[in-house]
Protein backbone atom coordinates (compact mmCIF):
# COMPACT_ATOMS: atom_id res chain seq x y z
CA MET A 1 129.58 192.53 136.04
CA ASN A 2 128.08 194.48 133.17
CA GLY A 3 126.74 192.46 130.27
CA GLN A 4 127.65 188.93 129.46
CA ALA A 5 131.06 187.57 130.38
CA LYS A 6 133.18 186.83 127.34
CA ILE A 7 133.48 183.13 126.72
CA MET A 8 137.11 182.22 126.16
CA GLU A 9 137.77 179.61 123.47
CA PRO A 10 139.72 176.66 124.88
CA ARG A 11 143.30 176.69 123.66
CA ARG A 12 144.15 173.68 121.57
CA LEU A 13 147.12 171.52 122.50
CA TYR A 14 149.11 172.58 119.44
CA GLN A 15 148.73 176.22 120.50
CA GLN A 16 150.08 175.41 123.96
CA ILE A 17 153.00 173.47 122.51
CA ALA A 18 153.84 176.26 120.07
CA ASP A 19 153.79 178.77 122.93
CA GLN A 20 156.20 176.62 124.96
CA ILE A 21 158.66 176.35 122.08
CA ARG A 22 158.39 180.07 121.39
CA GLU A 23 159.22 180.80 125.03
CA LEU A 24 162.37 178.68 124.71
CA ILE A 25 163.33 180.63 121.59
CA GLU A 26 162.66 184.00 123.21
CA SER A 27 164.64 183.00 126.30
CA GLY A 28 167.67 182.50 124.08
CA GLU A 29 167.87 178.74 124.49
CA PHE A 30 167.44 178.31 120.74
CA GLN A 31 169.22 181.02 118.74
CA THR A 32 168.16 182.43 115.36
CA GLY A 33 169.43 180.15 112.62
CA SER A 34 169.95 177.20 114.95
CA ARG A 35 168.29 173.84 114.53
CA LEU A 36 165.83 172.64 117.14
CA PRO A 37 166.50 169.29 118.84
CA PRO A 38 165.21 166.17 117.03
CA GLU A 39 161.48 165.53 117.34
CA ARG A 40 161.83 162.61 119.72
CA GLU A 41 164.04 164.59 122.10
CA LEU A 42 161.89 167.71 121.99
CA ALA A 43 158.67 165.71 122.47
CA GLN A 44 160.12 164.01 125.55
CA ARG A 45 161.26 167.33 126.96
CA LEU A 46 157.81 168.89 126.57
CA GLY A 47 155.97 165.73 127.64
CA VAL A 48 153.88 165.45 124.48
CA SER A 49 153.45 162.96 121.65
CA ARG A 50 155.38 163.41 118.43
CA PRO A 51 152.22 163.99 116.34
CA SER A 52 151.15 166.74 118.78
CA LEU A 53 154.64 168.24 118.67
CA ARG A 54 154.52 168.25 114.88
CA GLU A 55 151.26 170.19 115.01
CA GLY A 56 152.88 172.76 117.29
CA LEU A 57 155.84 173.09 114.93
CA ILE A 58 153.53 173.52 111.94
CA ALA A 59 151.74 176.32 113.84
CA LEU A 60 155.08 178.03 114.45
CA GLU A 61 156.00 177.69 110.80
CA ILE A 62 152.72 179.30 109.75
CA ASP A 63 153.38 182.34 111.94
CA GLY A 64 156.96 182.61 110.67
CA SER A 65 158.84 181.60 113.80
CA VAL A 66 160.51 178.47 112.39
CA GLU A 67 161.20 176.80 109.07
CA ILE A 68 160.69 173.06 108.63
CA ARG A 69 163.19 171.68 106.14
CA MET A 70 162.21 168.17 105.13
CA GLY A 71 165.03 165.74 105.79
CA SER A 72 167.10 168.37 107.60
CA GLY A 73 165.25 169.63 110.66
CA VAL A 74 163.47 172.64 112.12
CA TYR A 75 165.31 175.97 112.15
CA VAL A 76 164.67 179.14 114.13
CA LEU A 77 163.89 182.17 111.99
CA PRO A 78 164.39 185.85 112.92
CA GLU A 79 161.56 187.19 115.06
CA PRO A 80 158.49 187.92 112.89
CA VAL A 81 157.54 191.57 112.41
CA GLN A 82 154.18 190.95 114.07
CA SER A 83 155.24 188.52 116.77
CA SER A 84 152.99 187.27 119.54
CA THR A 85 153.65 185.20 122.61
CA ARG A 86 150.35 183.37 122.12
CA THR A 87 149.69 181.21 119.08
CA LYS A 88 146.37 182.00 117.43
CA SER A 89 143.88 179.33 116.46
CA LEU A 90 144.65 177.90 113.03
CA GLY A 91 141.83 175.37 112.86
CA GLU A 92 141.18 172.02 114.46
CA SER A 93 143.99 169.67 115.43
CA PRO A 94 144.56 167.39 112.40
CA THR A 95 145.02 164.44 114.77
CA GLU A 96 141.69 165.08 116.51
CA LEU A 97 140.03 165.82 113.18
CA MET A 98 140.97 162.42 111.76
CA GLN A 99 139.85 160.69 114.96
CA ALA A 100 136.47 162.43 114.73
CA ARG A 101 136.09 161.56 111.06
CA ALA A 102 136.84 157.89 111.77
CA ALA A 103 134.20 157.78 114.50
CA LEU A 104 131.57 159.55 112.41
CA GLU A 105 132.18 158.06 108.98
CA GLY A 106 132.59 154.58 110.46
CA THR A 107 128.99 154.85 111.67
CA THR A 108 127.66 156.61 108.58
CA ILE A 109 128.92 154.00 106.13
CA VAL A 110 127.13 151.20 108.01
CA LEU A 111 123.83 152.96 107.29
CA ALA A 112 124.85 153.69 103.71
CA ALA A 113 125.88 150.10 102.94
CA SER A 114 122.36 148.79 103.42
CA ARG A 115 120.69 151.61 101.48
CA ILE A 116 123.05 152.53 98.65
CA ASP A 117 121.52 152.29 95.18
CA ALA A 118 122.94 151.49 91.76
CA ASP A 119 123.10 155.13 90.67
CA ALA A 120 125.18 156.08 93.71
CA LEU A 121 127.54 153.16 93.13
CA LYS A 122 127.96 154.23 89.52
CA THR A 123 128.72 157.79 90.61
CA LEU A 124 131.27 156.55 93.13
CA ARG A 125 132.98 154.54 90.37
CA SER A 126 133.10 157.60 88.11
CA THR A 127 134.50 159.65 90.99
CA LEU A 128 137.34 157.17 91.53
CA ASP A 129 138.09 157.13 87.79
CA ALA A 130 138.35 160.93 87.87
CA MET A 131 140.49 160.70 91.01
CA ARG A 132 142.88 158.31 89.23
CA ASN A 133 143.14 160.69 86.27
CA GLU A 134 144.01 163.61 88.54
CA ILE A 135 146.71 161.62 90.33
CA GLU A 136 148.25 160.42 87.05
CA ALA A 137 148.31 164.04 85.86
CA GLY A 138 150.27 165.03 88.97
CA ARG A 139 147.40 166.92 90.57
CA LYS A 140 145.86 166.49 94.02
CA PRO A 141 142.31 165.12 93.64
CA LEU A 142 140.82 167.13 96.51
CA ASP A 143 137.42 167.61 94.87
CA GLN A 144 137.07 163.95 93.95
CA ASP A 145 138.16 162.84 97.43
CA ARG A 146 135.53 165.09 99.01
CA GLN A 147 132.83 163.95 96.59
CA PHE A 148 133.51 160.28 97.34
CA HIS A 149 133.05 160.71 101.08
CA ILE A 150 130.05 163.03 100.76
CA ILE A 151 128.19 160.68 98.41
CA ILE A 152 128.58 157.85 100.92
CA ALA A 153 127.39 160.07 103.76
CA GLU A 154 124.33 161.15 101.77
CA GLN A 155 123.43 157.51 101.15
CA SER A 156 122.98 157.08 104.90
CA ALA A 157 119.63 158.88 104.46
CA ASN A 158 120.51 160.98 107.51
CA SER A 159 120.92 164.64 106.60
CA VAL A 160 122.48 165.51 109.96
CA LEU A 161 125.21 162.92 109.57
CA ALA A 162 125.82 164.02 105.99
CA ARG A 163 126.21 167.63 107.07
CA LEU A 164 128.60 166.73 109.88
CA VAL A 165 130.75 164.64 107.54
CA ALA A 166 130.93 167.57 105.12
CA ASP A 167 131.82 170.01 107.90
CA LEU A 168 134.64 167.81 109.20
CA PHE A 169 135.94 167.17 105.70
CA ASP A 170 136.00 170.86 104.85
CA GLU A 171 138.14 171.55 107.92
CA ARG A 172 140.98 170.31 105.70
CA HIS A 173 141.04 173.84 104.29
CA SER A 174 141.98 175.46 107.61
CA PRO A 175 145.49 176.97 107.76
CA MET A 176 146.72 174.13 109.97
CA SER A 177 145.39 171.29 107.81
CA ALA A 178 146.34 173.04 104.57
CA GLN A 179 149.97 173.31 105.75
CA PHE A 180 150.03 169.60 106.58
CA ARG A 181 148.70 168.93 103.09
CA VAL A 182 151.51 170.96 101.52
CA LYS A 183 154.14 169.19 103.61
CA PHE A 184 153.01 165.60 103.57
CA GLU A 185 150.74 164.89 100.59
CA ASP A 186 152.19 163.76 97.27
CA LYS A 187 151.46 161.41 94.38
CA ASN A 188 152.40 158.35 96.43
CA THR A 189 150.12 159.19 99.37
CA TRP A 190 147.22 159.85 96.99
CA THR A 191 147.87 156.57 95.18
CA PHE A 192 147.52 154.73 98.49
CA ALA A 193 144.33 156.67 99.25
CA LEU A 194 142.87 155.67 95.88
CA GLN A 195 143.56 151.99 96.58
CA GLU A 196 141.80 152.33 99.94
CA HIS A 197 138.82 154.03 98.28
CA GLU A 198 138.62 151.11 95.84
CA ALA A 199 138.35 148.72 98.81
CA ILE A 200 135.58 150.84 100.33
CA LEU A 201 133.64 150.83 97.06
CA ALA A 202 134.01 147.05 96.74
CA ALA A 203 132.52 146.61 100.21
CA LEU A 204 129.60 148.90 99.32
CA GLU A 205 129.02 147.01 96.06
CA ALA A 206 128.86 143.82 98.15
CA LYS A 207 126.39 145.58 100.48
CA ASP A 208 128.43 144.33 103.43
CA PRO A 209 128.03 146.88 106.28
CA LEU A 210 130.72 145.41 108.54
CA LEU A 211 133.27 145.14 105.74
CA ALA A 212 132.41 148.68 104.64
CA GLN A 213 132.95 149.95 108.17
CA SER A 214 136.24 148.07 108.46
CA THR A 215 137.59 149.43 105.17
CA MET A 216 136.54 152.99 106.07
CA HIS A 217 138.26 152.77 109.46
CA SER A 218 141.35 151.31 107.82
CA HIS A 219 141.42 154.10 105.22
CA LEU A 220 141.03 156.93 107.71
CA ASP A 221 143.58 155.43 110.09
CA SER A 222 146.08 155.07 107.25
CA SER A 223 145.31 158.62 106.14
CA ARG A 224 145.98 159.88 109.66
CA ARG A 225 149.33 158.12 109.79
CA ARG A 226 150.35 159.41 106.36
CA TRP A 227 149.05 162.92 106.94
CA VAL A 228 149.73 163.58 110.61
CA GLU A 229 152.45 161.13 111.63
CA ASN A 230 154.18 161.05 108.24
């Protein structure tokens, strides 16, 4: 062999699922304009979970193969001009991303709870006030949400953990995660998130590491269910 062998990036589960569905479309099993089977039926047929199936369907929608109509179903679109039999990477799996965030931020907040100072608590309160204003104005408080989690991570006094939390959080801007945000985030979901942030802040104000960890895990698990499982 000449030179280094090219390292192939592992294909994510949602890519594999999208490829399987595309093969069924191309084989003629699902015609243009037709509606795909219900999620439960299609997930059982492919042997995958419904959240994983939803990720595969979102990937197909991004590349123009299907259209997801909320409350109606998933419909096959005419073959895209630049079609491919292999789904390209569109970012991390939202399901795996939220699992990773829960594991990391659950640990980080324990360190932060014992170290957090009055200035940081005051900044967190101001951040939640700004978040509430954005929600009431009908806007998505993405910047305030990010700031809240980053401030907590920085209070852990561990720069590596803080950087990792920021990196995972910013994965929300990948094509895959951004499409989930368009589909499944609204004023109601953000209102719930704000309430959960308030609980996290109360635990930090009490300097209770275990309560802080519990409220963070609860928040991220609820976020996953709202965002990924809908």
